Amino acid sequence: MTVSASTTRQSELRPTLLRAAVAAVCAVAAAPAVEAQWRESYPVIRIGIVAGPDAALTRSRVEPFRAYLDESLEVSVEVLTAPDYGSLIAEQFTGRLHATFLSASAFAGASAACGGCVEPLVAQTTPSGEAGYRAALIVSSENALSDPANLAGTRLAVSAEDSLAGRMLPLALFVEAGVDFADVEIVERGSQAAAVLAVVSGGAEAGLGWIGLSDDAADRGVLADLAAAGRLLLGEVRVAWTSPTIPHGPLTVLDNLPDDLKSELAAAMLALAEADPDALVAIDANLGGGFADVDAGDYEPLMLLTDPDLELPR
C-alpha cells in the first residue's frame, strides 16, 4: 500500500464510472443470504487484489495468505487479480469476487456507486496499531497561519492529482468549509515531499502532506520521512491543520453475504498477525501491523470525494 494513493485515480471516486456494474450488483443483492451452513452455499471463496505488472508473480507472493485463509475458513480460497481498482470493484459487483482488498478512496467510490452495498470488514494497521493517517496543512515555523480559511493571498503546494492526502481530500474539505480559492495560487508538485520542500525553500507559503495519528509529526508521515532522509529539520515547519482520520484500505465484502461468513472471515483477518506472520507479510509487506475492525462510518470523510458536482481548485 502507498499512502499517497498513487494507484488510485480520481475517476475511480466518481460513481458514474461504475454505473454499468450497478445493475449487476442489484441482482446479486436481491438474492437472500443463507445464514446457516454457509460453507455449503460457498464452498469456494474468491478474494480479489490489484496485481502489479506481473499477475502470476503477485499470486505466487500471496500464496501463504491464501493458504492461511483456506485452512482458517475450512473452504477452498482463491486469490484472483485485477489490473486496477475499477476492474476489481466491477468483478465484486457481479458476485464473482466475494471479498476485495481496496484502497480507502476506492471503497468510497464503490459504496457510492451501489448505494452502500459494500461493507468494510477490517483494515490494515501499523505495528503501533494506527489504522489510518491524516492529511495535513504544513507551513513554515514562522508562519502564523492556523486556519485554512485564511489561505487567501498564499501559494499552496499540492501533489499529483491522484494524491489523496496531498491534494484531493484536503482540497475537498476546504471547499466544503467555504474556503475562497479565488486568491490562492495552487503550486503543482510531483510528490508530497516536494510540496513540503517548496514551503521550506520559499516556493509556497503552505503545502499539503500526510502525517500519522500521533500528535508528534515526527513519528510517521512525510515530515518524518524527510527528516530521516536529512532533507528537512523538523523545527523548520509545523502542522497548521489536520483532516479527520483517513482509514487504511479495507478488506471489502458485499453486504448481502451471510453474516456467519463475514464474521469468520473478519476473525481470521484479525488473528492473522499472531497466527501466521508469514501470511501477513505476504499480503501486507508495507504496514505490517495486522488488521483491525472498521465500519462504513470510518470512511465517511471520503464520501465527499464521490460527489459528481465536486470541483477541486486547480
C-alpha atoms as a PDB file:
ATOM      1  CA  MET A   1       0.000   0.000   0.000  1.00  0.00           C
ATOM      2  CA  THR A   2       1.199   3.524  -0.747  1.00  0.00           C
ATOM      3  CA  VAL A   3      -0.316   6.118   1.430  1.00  0.00           C
ATOM      4  CA  SER A   4      -0.201   8.728  -1.284  1.00  0.00           C
ATOM      5  CA  ALA A   5      -2.782   6.594  -3.139  1.00  0.00           C
ATOM      6  CA  SER A   6      -0.679   6.635  -6.272  1.00  0.00           C
ATOM      7  CA  THR A   7      -2.581   3.672  -7.694  1.00  0.00           C
ATOM      8  CA  THR A   8      -5.922   5.424  -7.189  1.00  0.00           C
ATOM      9  CA  ARG A   9      -7.333   7.603  -9.948  1.00  0.00           C
ATOM     10  CA  GLN A  10      -9.710  10.438  -9.140  1.00  0.00           C
ATOM     11  CA  SER A  11     -12.046   8.957 -11.711  1.00  0.00           C
ATOM     12  CA  GLU A  12     -12.431   5.852  -9.545  1.00  0.00           C
ATOM     13  CA  LEU A  13     -14.198   8.034  -6.999  1.00  0.00           C
ATOM     14  CA  ARG A  14     -16.898   9.032  -9.464  1.00  0.00           C
ATOM     15  CA  PRO A  15     -19.957   6.776  -9.227  1.00  0.00           C
ATOM     16  CA  THR A  16     -20.693   7.293 -12.896  1.00  0.00           C
ATOM     17  CA  LEU A  17     -17.681   5.192 -13.910  1.00  0.00           C
ATOM     18  CA  LEU A  18     -19.171   2.170 -12.200  1.00  0.00           C
ATOM     19  CA  ARG A  19     -22.759   2.759 -13.235  1.00  0.00           C
ATOM     20  CA  ALA A  20     -22.656  -0.107 -15.690  1.00  0.00           C
ATOM     21  CA  ALA A  21     -21.938  -2.531 -12.877  1.00  0.00           C
ATOM     22  CA  VAL A  22     -24.679  -1.308 -10.552  1.00  0.00           C
ATOM     23  CA  ALA A  23     -27.394  -3.273 -12.335  1.00  0.00           C
ATOM     24  CA  ALA A  24     -25.388  -6.443 -11.812  1.00  0.00           C
ATOM     25  CA  VAL A  25     -24.918  -5.862  -8.119  1.00  0.00           C
ATOM     26  CA  CYS A  26     -28.598  -5.134  -7.631  1.00  0.00           C
ATOM     27  CA  ALA A  27     -29.359  -8.607  -8.958  1.00  0.00           C
ATOM     28  CA  VAL A  28     -26.797 -10.143  -6.624  1.00  0.00           C
ATOM     29  CA  ALA A  29     -28.028  -8.161  -3.621  1.00  0.00           C
ATOM     30  CA  ALA A  30     -31.600  -9.251  -4.281  1.00  0.00           C
ATOM     31  CA  ALA A  31     -30.731 -12.880  -3.609  1.00  0.00           C
ATOM     32  CA  PRO A  32     -31.467 -13.921   0.001  1.00  0.00           C
ATOM     33  CA  ALA A  33     -28.407 -14.558   2.151  1.00  0.00           C
ATOM     34  CA  VAL A  34     -28.117 -18.077   3.514  1.00  0.00           C
ATOM     35  CA  GLU A  35     -27.147 -17.720   7.168  1.00  0.00           C
ATOM     36  CA  ALA A  36     -26.949 -21.368   8.171  1.00  0.00           C
ATOM     37  CA  GLN A  37     -24.431 -23.741   6.683  1.00  0.00           C
ATOM     38  CA  TRP A  38     -22.739 -21.049   4.647  1.00  0.00           C
ATOM     39  CA  ARG A  39     -19.978 -23.422   3.650  1.00  0.00           C
ATOM     40  CA  GLU A  40     -22.477 -25.478   1.678  1.00  0.00           C
ATOM     41  CA  SER A  41     -23.507 -22.413  -0.306  1.00  0.00           C
ATOM     42  CA  TYR A  42     -19.978 -21.011  -0.574  1.00  0.00           C
ATOM     43  CA  PRO A  43     -17.572 -23.932  -0.989  1.00  0.00           C
ATOM     44  CA  VAL A  44     -15.143 -21.574  -2.718  1.00  0.00           C
ATOM     45  CA  ILE A  45     -14.345 -18.053  -1.505  1.00  0.00           C
ATOM     46  CA  ARG A  46     -12.751 -15.789  -4.105  1.00  0.00           C
ATOM     47  CA  ILE A  47     -10.747 -12.795  -2.934  1.00  0.00           C
ATOM     48  CA  GLY A  48      -9.565 -10.092  -5.317  1.00  0.00           C
ATOM     49  CA  ILE A  49      -6.442  -7.942  -5.186  1.00  0.00           C
ATOM     50  CA  VAL A  50      -4.871  -5.417  -7.528  1.00  0.00           C
ATOM     51  CA  ALA A  51      -1.860  -7.030  -9.166  1.00  0.00           C
ATOM     52  CA  GLY A  52       1.414  -5.451 -10.077  1.00  0.00           C
ATOM     53  CA  PRO A  53       2.791  -5.705 -13.598  1.00  0.00           C
ATOM     54  CA  ASP A  54       3.149  -9.482 -13.191  1.00  0.00           C
ATOM     55  CA  ALA A  55      -0.137 -11.050 -12.059  1.00  0.00           C
ATOM     56  CA  ALA A  56       1.364 -14.533 -11.753  1.00  0.00           C
ATOM     57  CA  LEU A  57       4.130 -13.206  -9.507  1.00  0.00           C
ATOM     58  CA  THR A  58       1.546 -11.423  -7.358  1.00  0.00           C
ATOM     59  CA  ARG A  59      -0.468 -14.616  -6.915  1.00  0.00           C
ATOM     60  CA  SER A  60       2.694 -16.502  -6.002  1.00  0.00           C
ATOM     61  CA  ARG A  61       3.650 -13.848  -3.456  1.00  0.00           C
ATOM     62  CA  VAL A  62       0.299 -14.005  -1.652  1.00  0.00           C
ATOM     63  CA  GLU A  63       0.115 -17.814  -1.606  1.00  0.00           C
ATOM     64  CA  PRO A  64       0.911 -18.051   2.157  1.00  0.00           C
ATOM     65  CA  PHE A  65      -2.031 -15.756   2.816  1.00  0.00           C
ATOM     66  CA  ARG A  66      -4.346 -17.777   0.583  1.00  0.00           C
ATOM     67  CA  ALA A  67      -3.279 -20.988   2.328  1.00  0.00           C
ATOM     68  CA  TYR A  68      -3.888 -19.413   5.733  1.00  0.00           C
ATOM     69  CA  LEU A  69      -7.455 -18.433   4.848  1.00  0.00           C
ATOM     70  CA  ASP A  70      -8.050 -21.788   3.183  1.00  0.00           C
ATOM     71  CA  GLU A  71      -7.258 -23.518   6.475  1.00  0.00           C
ATOM     72  CA  SER A  72      -8.947 -20.961   8.725  1.00  0.00           C
ATOM     73  CA  LEU A  73     -12.248 -20.851   6.857  1.00  0.00           C
ATOM     74  CA  GLU A  74     -12.290 -24.582   6.052  1.00  0.00           C
ATOM     75  CA  VAL A  75     -13.286 -23.942   2.449  1.00  0.00           C
ATOM     76  CA  SER A  76     -11.318 -23.522  -0.733  1.00  0.00           C
ATOM     77  CA  VAL A  77      -9.954 -19.981  -1.089  1.00  0.00           C
ATOM     78  CA  GLU A  78      -8.868 -18.498  -4.405  1.00  0.00           C
ATOM     79  CA  VAL A  79      -6.998 -15.218  -4.865  1.00  0.00           C
ATOM     80  CA  LEU A  80      -7.767 -13.511  -8.164  1.00  0.00           C
ATOM     81  CA  THR A  81      -6.076 -10.425  -9.564  1.00  0.00           C
ATOM     82  CA  ALA A  82      -7.242  -7.351 -11.459  1.00  0.00           C
ATOM     83  CA  PRO A  83      -5.227  -4.575 -13.128  1.00  0.00           C
ATOM     84  CA  ASP A  84      -6.871  -1.746 -11.178  1.00  0.00           C
ATOM     85  CA  TYR A  85      -9.459  -0.958  -8.535  1.00  0.00           C
ATOM     86  CA  GLY A  86     -12.213  -0.181 -11.026  1.00  0.00           C
ATOM     87  CA  SER A  87     -11.925  -3.662 -12.535  1.00  0.00           C
ATOM     88  CA  LEU A  88     -11.781  -5.227  -9.080  1.00  0.00           C
ATOM     89  CA  ILE A  89     -14.946  -3.450  -7.969  1.00  0.00           C
ATOM     90  CA  ALA A  90     -16.821  -4.399 -11.146  1.00  0.00           C
ATOM     91  CA  GLU A  91     -15.934  -8.074 -10.570  1.00  0.00           C
ATOM     92  CA  GLN A  92     -17.191  -7.823  -6.996  1.00  0.00           C
ATOM     93  CA  PHE A  93     -20.433  -6.224  -8.105  1.00  0.00           C
ATOM     94  CA  THR A  94     -21.181  -9.184 -10.349  1.00  0.00           C
ATOM     95  CA  GLY A  95     -20.662 -11.554  -7.409  1.00  0.00           C
ATOM     96  CA  ARG A  96     -17.618 -13.250  -8.941  1.00  0.00           C
ATOM     97  CA  LEU A  97     -15.474 -11.938  -6.080  1.00  0.00           C
ATOM     98  CA  HIS A  98     -16.688 -12.364  -2.522  1.00  0.00           C
ATOM     99  CA  ALA A  99     -14.110 -10.030  -0.978  1.00  0.00           C
ATOM    100  CA  THR A 100     -11.667  -7.457  -2.300  1.00  0.00           C
ATOM    101  CA  PHE A 101      -8.722  -5.503  -0.938  1.00  0.00           C
ATOM    102  CA  LEU A 102      -9.479  -1.881  -1.841  1.00  0.00           C
ATOM    103  CA  SER A 103      -7.861   1.452  -1.172  1.00  0.00           C
ATOM    104  CA  ALA A 104      -9.820   3.771   1.093  1.00  0.00           C
ATOM    105  CA  SER A 105     -10.866   6.001  -1.793  1.00  0.00           C
ATOM    106  CA  ALA A 106     -11.786   3.037  -3.996  1.00  0.00           C
ATOM    107  CA  PHE A 107     -14.054   1.751  -1.217  1.00  0.00           C
ATOM    108  CA  ALA A 108     -15.778   5.129  -1.027  1.00  0.00           C
ATOM    109  CA  GLY A 109     -16.311   5.082  -4.782  1.00  0.00           C
ATOM    110  CA  ALA A 110     -17.688   1.556  -4.716  1.00  0.00           C
ATOM    111  CA  SER A 111     -20.070   2.351  -1.862  1.00  0.00           C
ATOM    112  CA  ALA A 112     -21.362   5.440  -3.635  1.00  0.00           C
ATOM    113  CA  ALA A 113     -21.794   3.566  -6.905  1.00  0.00           C
ATOM    114  CA  CYS A 114     -24.063   0.886  -5.489  1.00  0.00           C
ATOM    115  CA  GLY A 115     -25.821   2.761  -2.704  1.00  0.00           C
ATOM    116  CA  GLY A 116     -23.870   1.226   0.155  1.00  0.00           C
ATOM    117  CA  CYS A 117     -23.980  -2.402  -0.969  1.00  0.00           C
ATOM    118  CA  VAL A 118     -20.371  -2.982   0.134  1.00  0.00           C
ATOM    119  CA  GLU A 119     -19.095  -3.339   3.672  1.00  0.00           C
ATOM    120  CA  PRO A 120     -15.563  -2.872   5.052  1.00  0.00           C
ATOM    121  CA  LEU A 121     -14.605  -5.735   7.362  1.00  0.00           C
ATOM    122  CA  VAL A 122     -11.087  -4.926   8.510  1.00  0.00           C
ATOM    123  CA  ALA A 123      -8.299  -2.512   7.596  1.00  0.00           C
ATOM    124  CA  GLN A 124      -4.537  -2.643   7.785  1.00  0.00           C
ATOM    125  CA  THR A 125      -2.733  -1.238  10.802  1.00  0.00           C
ATOM    126  CA  THR A 126       0.817  -0.214  11.622  1.00  0.00           C
ATOM    127  CA  PRO A 127       2.848  -2.127  14.238  1.00  0.00           C
ATOM    128  CA  SER A 128       1.868   0.597  16.739  1.00  0.00           C
ATOM    129  CA  GLY A 129      -1.797  -0.005  15.988  1.00  0.00           C
ATOM    130  CA  GLU A 130      -2.591   3.001  13.796  1.00  0.00           C
ATOM    131  CA  ALA A 131      -5.384   2.041  11.414  1.00  0.00           C
ATOM    132  CA  GLY A 132      -5.150   5.254   9.431  1.00  0.00           C
ATOM    133  CA  TYR A 133      -3.432   8.578   8.872  1.00  0.00           C
ATOM    134  CA  ARG A 134      -4.325  12.244   8.272  1.00  0.00           C
ATOM    135  CA  ALA A 135      -3.875  14.896   5.634  1.00  0.00           C
ATOM    136  CA  ALA A 136      -2.026  17.935   6.953  1.00  0.00           C
ATOM    137  CA  LEU A 137      -1.593  21.581   6.036  1.00  0.00           C
ATOM    138  CA  ILE A 138       2.073  22.333   6.607  1.00  0.00           C
ATOM    139  CA  VAL A 139       3.597  25.811   6.939  1.00  0.00           C
ATOM    140  CA  SER A 140       6.953  27.212   7.996  1.00  0.00           C
ATOM    141  CA  SER A 141       7.510  27.536  11.727  1.00  0.00           C
ATOM    142  CA  GLU A 142       7.437  31.347  11.406  1.00  0.00           C
ATOM    143  CA  ASN A 143       4.107  31.364   9.553  1.00  0.00           C
ATOM    144  CA  ALA A 144       1.177  32.287  11.823  1.00  0.00           C
ATOM    145  CA  LEU A 145      -1.409  30.616   9.553  1.00  0.00           C
ATOM    146  CA  SER A 146      -3.623  28.352  11.664  1.00  0.00           C
ATOM    147  CA  ASP A 147      -6.837  28.015   9.661  1.00  0.00           C
ATOM    148  CA  PRO A 148      -7.384  27.040   6.010  1.00  0.00           C
ATOM    149  CA  ALA A 149      -9.969  29.831   5.881  1.00  0.00           C
ATOM    150  CA  ASN A 150      -7.035  32.250   5.913  1.00  0.00           C
ATOM    151  CA  LEU A 151      -5.293  30.858   2.818  1.00  0.00           C
ATOM    152  CA  ALA A 152      -6.186  33.904   0.719  1.00  0.00           C
ATOM    153  CA  GLY A 153      -3.111  35.528  -0.759  1.00  0.00           C
ATOM    154  CA  THR A 154      -0.936  32.447  -0.356  1.00  0.00           C
ATOM    155  CA  ARG A 155       0.678  29.883  -2.614  1.00  0.00           C
ATOM    156  CA  LEU A 156      -0.440  26.351  -1.726  1.00  0.00           C
ATOM    157  CA  ALA A 157       1.810  23.465  -2.833  1.00  0.00           C
ATOM    158  CA  VAL A 158      -0.037  20.263  -3.696  1.00  0.00           C
ATOM    159  CA  SER A 159       0.981  16.856  -5.049  1.00  0.00           C
ATOM    160  CA  ALA A 160      -0.193  14.905  -8.061  1.00  0.00           C
ATOM    161  CA  GLU A 161      -3.882  14.894  -8.983  1.00  0.00           C
ATOM    162  CA  ASP A 162      -4.359  11.351  -7.646  1.00  0.00           C
ATOM    163  CA  SER A 163      -2.804  12.063  -4.230  1.00  0.00           C
ATOM    164  CA  LEU A 164      -5.466  11.525  -1.583  1.00  0.00           C
ATOM    165  CA  ALA A 165      -3.822  13.256   1.393  1.00  0.00           C
ATOM    166  CA  GLY A 166      -1.582  15.522  -0.661  1.00  0.00           C
ATOM    167  CA  ARG A 167      -4.369  17.063  -2.709  1.00  0.00           C
ATOM    168  CA  MET A 168      -7.799  15.528  -3.171  1.00  0.00           C
ATOM    169  CA  LEU A 169      -9.266  15.165   0.324  1.00  0.00           C
ATOM    170  CA  PRO A 170      -7.919  18.344   1.952  1.00  0.00           C
ATOM    171  CA  LEU A 171      -8.941  20.484  -1.023  1.00  0.00           C
ATOM    172  CA  ALA A 172     -12.413  18.915  -0.955  1.00  0.00           C
ATOM    173  CA  LEU A 173     -12.695  19.590   2.778  1.00  0.00           C
ATOM    174  CA  PHE A 174     -11.565  23.186   2.269  1.00  0.00           C
ATOM    175  CA  VAL A 175     -14.158  23.692  -0.477  1.00  0.00           C
ATOM    176  CA  GLU A 176     -16.877  22.188   1.733  1.00  0.00           C
ATOM    177  CA  ALA A 177     -15.848  24.545   4.545  1.00  0.00           C
ATOM    178  CA  GLY A 178     -16.263  27.521   2.249  1.00  0.00           C
ATOM    179  CA  VAL A 179     -12.621  28.422   1.715  1.00  0.00           C
ATOM    180  CA  ASP A 180     -12.359  31.010  -1.075  1.00  0.00           C
ATOM    181  CA  PHE A 181      -9.711  29.929  -3.567  1.00  0.00           C
ATOM    182  CA  ALA A 182     -10.052  32.992  -5.787  1.00  0.00           C
ATOM    183  CA  ASP A 183      -6.850  34.447  -4.330  1.00  0.00           C
ATOM    184  CA  VAL A 184      -4.987  31.191  -3.669  1.00  0.00           C
ATOM    185  CA  GLU A 185      -2.305  30.083  -6.116  1.00  0.00           C
ATOM    186  CA  ILE A 186      -2.119  26.303  -6.482  1.00  0.00           C
ATOM    187  CA  VAL A 187       1.528  25.271  -6.878  1.00  0.00           C
ATOM    188  CA  GLU A 188       1.849  21.898  -8.609  1.00  0.00           C
ATOM    189  CA  ARG A 189       4.458  19.493  -7.275  1.00  0.00           C
ATOM    190  CA  GLY A 190       5.019  15.850  -8.156  1.00  0.00           C
ATOM    191  CA  SER A 191       5.002  14.489  -4.619  1.00  0.00           C
ATOM    192  CA  GLN A 192       4.115  15.371  -1.053  1.00  0.00           C
ATOM    193  CA  ALA A 193       7.800  15.602  -0.222  1.00  0.00           C
ATOM    194  CA  ALA A 194       8.271  18.169  -2.993  1.00  0.00           C
ATOM    195  CA  ALA A 195       5.251  20.118  -1.749  1.00  0.00           C
ATOM    196  CA  VAL A 196       6.703  20.323   1.768  1.00  0.00           C
ATOM    197  CA  LEU A 197      10.144  21.270   0.473  1.00  0.00           C
ATOM    198  CA  ALA A 198       8.515  24.078  -1.510  1.00  0.00           C
ATOM    199  CA  VAL A 199       7.424  25.523   1.827  1.00  0.00           C
ATOM    200  CA  VAL A 200      10.958  25.250   3.208  1.00  0.00           C
ATOM    201  CA  SER A 201      12.521  26.842   0.135  1.00  0.00           C
ATOM    202  CA  GLY A 202      10.043  29.695  -0.011  1.00  0.00           C
ATOM    203  CA  GLY A 203       8.316  28.485  -3.150  1.00  0.00           C
ATOM    204  CA  ALA A 204       5.000  28.300  -1.291  1.00  0.00           C
ATOM    205  CA  GLU A 205       3.536  29.544   1.964  1.00  0.00           C
ATOM    206  CA  ALA A 206       1.752  26.254   2.690  1.00  0.00           C
ATOM    207  CA  GLY A 207       1.836  22.663   1.472  1.00  0.00           C
ATOM    208  CA  LEU A 208      -0.230  19.505   1.781  1.00  0.00           C
ATOM    209  CA  GLY A 209       1.097  16.165   3.010  1.00  0.00           C
ATOM    210  CA  TRP A 210       0.294  13.257   5.303  1.00  0.00           C
ATOM    211  CA  ILE A 211       1.057  12.522   8.937  1.00  0.00           C
ATOM    212  CA  GLY A 212       0.169   9.699  11.323  1.00  0.00           C
ATOM    213  CA  LEU A 213      -2.356   9.803  14.125  1.00  0.00           C
ATOM    214  CA  SER A 214       0.128  10.781  16.803  1.00  0.00           C
ATOM    215  CA  ASP A 215       0.394  14.377  17.995  1.00  0.00           C
ATOM    216  CA  ASP A 216       4.087  14.145  17.156  1.00  0.00           C
ATOM    217  CA  ALA A 217       4.518  14.654  13.404  1.00  0.00           C
ATOM    218  CA  ALA A 218       7.990  13.146  13.688  1.00  0.00           C
ATOM    219  CA  ASP A 219       6.510   9.718  14.368  1.00  0.00           C
ATOM    220  CA  ARG A 220       5.139   8.937  10.921  1.00  0.00           C
ATOM    221  CA  GLY A 221       4.432  10.735   7.688  1.00  0.00           C
ATOM    222  CA  VAL A 222       6.031  12.935   5.052  1.00  0.00           C
ATOM    223  CA  LEU A 223       7.749  15.154   7.640  1.00  0.00           C
ATOM    224  CA  ALA A 224       9.206  12.131   9.424  1.00  0.00           C
ATOM    225  CA  ASP A 225      10.407  10.676   6.117  1.00  0.00           C
ATOM    226  CA  LEU A 226      12.079  13.927   5.049  1.00  0.00           C
ATOM    227  CA  ALA A 227      13.735  14.367   8.436  1.00  0.00           C
ATOM    228  CA  ALA A 228      15.017  10.786   8.408  1.00  0.00           C
ATOM    229  CA  ALA A 229      16.499  11.376   4.954  1.00  0.00           C
ATOM    230  CA  GLY A 230      18.256  14.524   6.151  1.00  0.00           C
ATOM    231  CA  ARG A 231      16.263  16.756   3.791  1.00  0.00           C
ATOM    232  CA  LEU A 232      14.372  18.654   6.475  1.00  0.00           C
ATOM    233  CA  LEU A 233      14.803  19.879  10.053  1.00  0.00           C
ATOM    234  CA  LEU A 234      11.523  19.347  11.867  1.00  0.00           C
ATOM    235  CA  GLY A 235      11.855  22.730  13.526  1.00  0.00           C
ATOM    236  CA  GLU A 236      11.608  24.415  10.125  1.00  0.00           C
ATOM    237  CA  VAL A 237       7.924  23.596   9.686  1.00  0.00           C
ATOM    238  CA  ARG A 238       4.795  22.969  11.688  1.00  0.00           C
ATOM    239  CA  VAL A 239       1.376  21.409  11.127  1.00  0.00           C
ATOM    240  CA  ALA A 240      -1.320  24.082  10.923  1.00  0.00           C
ATOM    241  CA  TRP A 241      -4.338  21.809  10.273  1.00  0.00           C
ATOM    242  CA  THR A 242      -5.182  18.121  10.024  1.00  0.00           C
ATOM    243  CA  SER A 243      -8.034  16.245   8.385  1.00  0.00           C
ATOM    244  CA  PRO A 244     -10.233  13.618  10.007  1.00  0.00           C
ATOM    245  CA  THR A 245      -8.628  10.185  10.095  1.00  0.00           C
ATOM    246  CA  ILE A 246      -8.230   8.534   6.699  1.00  0.00           C
ATOM    247  CA  PRO A 247      -8.508   4.780   7.340  1.00  0.00           C
ATOM    248  CA  HIS A 248      -6.166   2.420   5.579  1.00  0.00           C
ATOM    249  CA  GLY A 249      -7.648   0.361   2.778  1.00  0.00           C
ATOM    250  CA  PRO A 250     -10.247  -2.230   3.828  1.00  0.00           C
ATOM    251  CA  LEU A 251     -10.999  -5.819   3.008  1.00  0.00           C
ATOM    252  CA  THR A 252     -14.436  -5.284   1.492  1.00  0.00           C
ATOM    253  CA  VAL A 253     -17.413  -7.634   1.085  1.00  0.00           C
ATOM    254  CA  LEU A 254     -20.880  -7.318  -0.398  1.00  0.00           C
ATOM    255  CA  ASP A 255     -23.272  -6.739   2.468  1.00  0.00           C
ATOM    256  CA  ASN A 256     -25.660  -9.494   1.355  1.00  0.00           C
ATOM    257  CA  LEU A 257     -23.164 -12.260   2.156  1.00  0.00           C
ATOM    258  CA  PRO A 258     -24.120 -14.462   5.131  1.00  0.00           C
ATOM    259  CA  ASP A 259     -23.298 -12.856   8.452  1.00  0.00           C
ATOM    260  CA  ASP A 260     -21.567 -16.034   9.641  1.00  0.00           C
ATOM    261  CA  LEU A 261     -19.277 -15.974   6.625  1.00  0.00           C
ATOM    262  CA  LYS A 262     -18.403 -12.325   7.198  1.00  0.00           C
ATOM    263  CA  SER A 263     -17.804 -12.916  10.903  1.00  0.00           C
ATOM    264  CA  GLU A 264     -15.477 -15.849  10.326  1.00  0.00           C
ATOM    265  CA  LEU A 265     -13.571 -14.030   7.603  1.00  0.00           C
ATOM    266  CA  ALA A 266     -13.135 -10.978   9.842  1.00  0.00           C
ATOM    267  CA  ALA A 267     -11.994 -13.167  12.745  1.00  0.00           C
ATOM    268  CA  ALA A 268      -9.398 -14.867  10.553  1.00  0.00           C
ATOM    269  CA  MET A 269      -8.062 -11.490   9.420  1.00  0.00           C
ATOM    270  CA  LEU A 270      -7.897 -10.128  12.968  1.00  0.00           C
ATOM    271  CA  ALA A 271      -5.924 -13.196  14.076  1.00  0.00           C
ATOM    272  CA  LEU A 272      -3.578 -13.136  11.077  1.00  0.00           C
ATOM    273  CA  ALA A 273      -0.648 -11.199  12.542  1.00  0.00           C
ATOM    274  CA  GLU A 274      -0.265 -13.521  15.523  1.00  0.00           C
ATOM    275  CA  ALA A 275      -1.393 -16.753  13.904  1.00  0.00           C
ATOM    276  CA  ASP A 276       0.731 -16.621  10.748  1.00  0.00           C
ATOM    277  CA  PRO A 277       3.303 -13.792  10.411  1.00  0.00           C
ATOM    278  CA  ASP A 278       4.454 -15.113   7.046  1.00  0.00           C
ATOM    279  CA  ALA A 279       0.922 -14.868   5.690  1.00  0.00           C
ATOM    280  CA  LEU A 280       0.703 -11.297   6.978  1.00  0.00           C
ATOM    281  CA  VAL A 281       3.897 -10.299   5.177  1.00  0.00           C
ATOM    282  CA  ALA A 282       2.581 -11.967   2.019  1.00  0.00           C
ATOM    283  CA  ILE A 283      -0.498  -9.748   1.904  1.00  0.00           C
ATOM    284  CA  ASP A 284       0.883  -6.648   3.662  1.00  0.00           C
ATOM    285  CA  ALA A 285       4.598  -6.092   3.202  1.00  0.00           C
ATOM    286  CA  ASN A 286       4.400  -2.356   3.965  1.00  0.00           C
ATOM    287  CA  LEU A 287       2.432  -1.523   7.108  1.00  0.00           C
ATOM    288  CA  GLY A 288       2.995  -4.848   8.841  1.00  0.00           C
ATOM    289  CA  GLY A 289       0.786  -4.391  11.902  1.00  0.00           C
ATOM    290  CA  GLY A 290      -2.046  -6.746  11.083  1.00  0.00           C
ATOM    291  CA  PHE A 291      -5.684  -5.803  10.765  1.00  0.00           C
ATOM    292  CA  ALA A 292      -8.299  -4.023  12.877  1.00  0.00           C
ATOM    293  CA  ASP A 293     -12.091  -3.759  12.812  1.00  0.00           C
ATOM    294  CA  VAL A 294     -13.575  -0.922  10.745  1.00  0.00           C
ATOM    295  CA  ASP A 295     -17.055   0.042   9.622  1.00  0.00           C
ATOM    296  CA  ALA A 296     -18.543   2.197   6.900  1.00  0.00           C
ATOM    297  CA  GLY A 297     -18.651   5.213   9.215  1.00  0.00           C
ATOM    298  CA  ASP A 298     -14.860   5.268   9.346  1.00  0.00           C
ATOM    299  CA  TYR A 299     -14.798   6.049   5.606  1.00  0.00           C
ATOM    300  CA  GLU A 300     -17.462   8.766   5.747  1.00  0.00           C
ATOM    301  CA  PRO A 301     -14.995  11.670   5.273  1.00  0.00           C
ATOM    302  CA  LEU A 302     -14.014  10.203   1.897  1.00  0.00           C
ATOM    303  CA  MET A 303     -17.588  10.109   0.634  1.00  0.00           C
ATOM    304  CA  LEU A 304     -17.248  13.827  -0.069  1.00  0.00           C
ATOM    305  CA  LEU A 305     -14.999  12.895  -2.997  1.00  0.00           C
ATOM    306  CA  THR A 306     -17.744  10.872  -4.659  1.00  0.00           C
ATOM    307  CA  ASP A 307     -19.938  13.926  -5.264  1.00  0.00           C
ATOM    308  CA  PRO A 308     -20.174  14.253  -9.067  1.00  0.00           C
ATOM    309  CA  ASP A 309     -20.603  18.013  -8.702  1.00  0.00           C
ATOM    310  CA  LEU A 310     -17.408  18.453  -6.693  1.00  0.00           C
ATOM    311  CA  GLU A 311     -14.903  20.738  -8.383  1.00  0.00           C
ATOM    312  CA  LEU A 312     -11.462  20.955  -6.808  1.00  0.00           C
ATOM    313  CA  PRO A 313      -9.438  24.151  -7.235  1.00  0.00           C
ATOM    314  CA  ARG A 314      -6.651  23.944  -9.758  1.00  0.00           C
END
